[in-house]
C-alpha atoms as a PDB file:
ATOM      1  CA  UNK A   1       0.000   0.000   0.000  1.00  0.00           C
ATOM      2  CA  UNK A   2       2.802   2.419   0.799  1.00  0.00           C
ATOM      3  CA  UNK A   3       4.436   2.036  -2.616  1.00  0.00           C
ATOM      4  CA  UNK A   4       1.313   1.993  -4.798  1.00  0.00           C
ATOM      5  CA  UNK A   5       0.713   5.377  -6.458  1.00  0.00           C
ATOM      6  CA  UNK A   6      -2.519   6.939  -5.276  1.00  0.00           C
ATOM      7  CA  UNK A   7      -3.061   4.370  -2.508  1.00  0.00           C
ATOM      8  CA  UNK A   8      -1.839   6.709   0.184  1.00  0.00           C
ATOM      9  CA  UNK A   9      -1.512  10.406   0.828  1.00  0.00           C
ATOM     10  CA  UNK A  10       0.988  12.250  -1.315  1.00  0.00           C
ATOM     11  CA  UNK A  11       4.031  13.478   0.529  1.00  0.00           C
ATOM     12  CA  UNK A  12       4.323  10.559   2.928  1.00  0.00           C
ATOM     13  CA  UNK A  13       8.001  10.380   3.891  1.00  0.00           C
ATOM     14  CA  UNK A  14       9.885   7.865   1.755  1.00  0.00           C
ATOM     15  CA  UNK A  15      12.179   7.140   4.699  1.00  0.00           C
ATOM     16  CA  UNK A  16       9.120   5.664   6.413  1.00  0.00           C
ATOM     17  CA  UNK A  17       7.211   4.245   3.444  1.00  0.00           C
ATOM     18  CA  UNK A  18       9.900   2.105   1.794  1.00  0.00           C
ATOM     19  CA  UNK A  19      11.089   0.196   4.891  1.00  0.00           C
ATOM     20  CA  UNK A  20       7.490  -0.306   6.030  1.00  0.00           C
ATOM     21  CA  UNK A  21       6.377  -1.563   2.626  1.00  0.00           C
ATOM     22  CA  UNK A  22       9.264  -3.954   2.132  1.00  0.00           C
ATOM     23  CA  UNK A  23       8.931  -5.237   5.702  1.00  0.00           C
ATOM     24  CA  UNK A  24       5.256  -5.962   5.060  1.00  0.00           C
ATOM     25  CA  UNK A  25       6.118  -7.660   1.773  1.00  0.00           C
ATOM     26  CA  UNK A  26       8.698  -9.879   3.462  1.00  0.00           C
ATOM     27  CA  UNK A  27       6.212 -10.765   6.214  1.00  0.00           C
ATOM     28  CA  UNK A  28       3.627 -11.718   3.596  1.00  0.00           C
ATOM     29  CA  UNK A  29       6.096 -13.927   1.706  1.00  0.00           C
ATOM     30  CA  UNK A  30       7.146 -15.656   4.930  1.00  0.00           C
ATOM     31  CA  UNK A  31       3.524 -16.192   5.986  1.00  0.00           C
ATOM     32  CA  UNK A  32       2.552 -17.607   2.604  1.00  0.00           C
ATOM     33  CA  UNK A  33       5.530 -19.951   2.638  1.00  0.00           C
ATOM     34  CA  UNK A  34       4.764 -21.106   6.180  1.00  0.00           C
ATOM     35  CA  UNK A  35       1.142 -22.082   5.520  1.00  0.00           C
ATOM     36  CA  UNK A  36       1.824 -25.119   3.281  1.00  0.00           C
ATOM     37  CA  UNK A  37       4.634 -26.266   5.560  1.00  0.00           C
ATOM     38  CA  UNK A  38       2.304 -26.183   8.564  1.00  0.00           C
ATOM     39  CA  UNK A  39      -0.526 -27.860   6.639  1.00  0.00           C
ATOM     40  CA  UNK A  40       1.796 -30.719   5.630  1.00  0.00           C
ATOM     41  CA  UNK A  41       3.446 -30.806   9.046  1.00  0.00           C
ATOM     42  CA  UNK A  42       6.792 -30.407   7.350  1.00  0.00           C
ATOM     43  CA  UNK A  43      10.098 -30.255   9.180  1.00  0.00           C
ATOM     44  CA  UNK A  44      10.544 -26.607   8.247  1.00  0.00           C
ATOM     45  CA  UNK A  45       7.120 -25.535   9.545  1.00  0.00           C
ATOM     46  CA  UNK A  46       8.219 -24.533  13.029  1.00  0.00           C
ATOM     47  CA  UNK A  47      11.219 -22.585  11.698  1.00  0.00           C
ATOM     48  CA  UNK A  48       9.161 -20.752   9.077  1.00  0.00           C
ATOM     49  CA  UNK A  49       6.480 -19.765  11.576  1.00  0.00           C
ATOM     50  CA  UNK A  50       9.132 -18.640  14.053  1.00  0.00           C
ATOM     51  CA  UNK A  51      10.911 -16.598  11.368  1.00  0.00           C
ATOM     52  CA  UNK A  52       7.626 -15.013  10.280  1.00  0.00           C
ATOM     53  CA  UNK A  53       6.784 -14.029  13.859  1.00  0.00           C
ATOM     54  CA  UNK A  54      10.196 -12.517  14.548  1.00  0.00           C
ATOM     55  CA  UNK A  55      10.273 -10.601  11.252  1.00  0.00           C
ATOM     56  CA  UNK A  56       6.694  -9.403  11.700  1.00  0.00           C
ATOM     57  CA  UNK A  57       7.413  -8.154  15.208  1.00  0.00           C
ATOM     58  CA  UNK A  58      10.574  -6.354  14.099  1.00  0.00           C
ATOM     59  CA  UNK A  59       8.712  -4.868  11.129  1.00  0.00           C
ATOM     60  CA  UNK A  60       6.014  -3.513  13.430  1.00  0.00           C
ATOM     61  CA  UNK A  61       8.541  -1.998  15.820  1.00  0.00           C
ATOM     62  CA  UNK A  62      10.560  -0.421  13.013  1.00  0.00           C
ATOM     63  CA  UNK A  63       7.409   0.991  11.406  1.00  0.00           C
ATOM     64  CA  UNK A  64       6.300   2.575  14.693  1.00  0.00           C
ATOM     65  CA  UNK A  65       9.729   4.101  15.303  1.00  0.00           C
ATOM     66  CA  UNK A  66      10.060   5.416  11.737  1.00  0.00           C
ATOM     67  CA  UNK A  67       6.503   6.774  11.732  1.00  0.00           C
ATOM     68  CA  UNK A  68       7.285   8.656  14.917  1.00  0.00           C
ATOM     69  CA  UNK A  69      10.642   9.957  13.681  1.00  0.00           C
ATOM     70  CA  UNK A  70       9.311  11.136  10.305  1.00  0.00           C
ATOM     71  CA  UNK A  71       5.877  12.250  11.552  1.00  0.00           C
ATOM     72  CA  UNK A  72       4.093   9.850   9.235  1.00  0.00           C
ATOM     73  CA  UNK A  73       1.035  10.003  11.510  1.00  0.00           C
ATOM     74  CA  UNK A  74       0.060  13.254   9.768  1.00  0.00           C
ATOM     75  CA  UNK A  75      -0.749  11.114   6.689  1.00  0.00           C
ATOM     76  CA  UNK A  76      -2.659   8.407   8.544  1.00  0.00           C
ATOM     77  CA  UNK A  77      -6.396   7.932   8.338  1.00  0.00           C
ATOM     78  CA  UNK A  78      -6.255   7.005  12.031  1.00  0.00           C
ATOM     79  CA  UNK A  79      -4.902  10.407  12.974  1.00  0.00           C
ATOM     80  CA  UNK A  80      -1.705   8.971  14.408  1.00  0.00           C
ATOM     81  CA  UNK A  81      -3.355   6.787  17.035  1.00  0.00           C
ATOM     82  CA  UNK A  82      -0.841   3.972  16.553  1.00  0.00           C
ATOM     83  CA  UNK A  83       2.176   6.275  16.585  1.00  0.00           C
ATOM     84  CA  UNK A  84       1.189   8.144  19.734  1.00  0.00           C
ATOM     85  CA  UNK A  85       0.650   5.248  22.109  1.00  0.00           C
END
């Protein structure tokens, strides 16, 4: 969403948008790769789920920090609720 033209407010800081978007993309790829492994009870299932959880948590923390540093909450439809916890 952050990288799609017109999907977000213009002027959103690129220093926030690019890391957040690529972190979300990586989390999605890891989640999609973990689902079949879990369904088949494969040996890699536990590792993939663990990796997804760690990356997703780090992505969330980085996004919150970057949104706060670059005042990305001004472009949020939530009015910065997440960034001002």
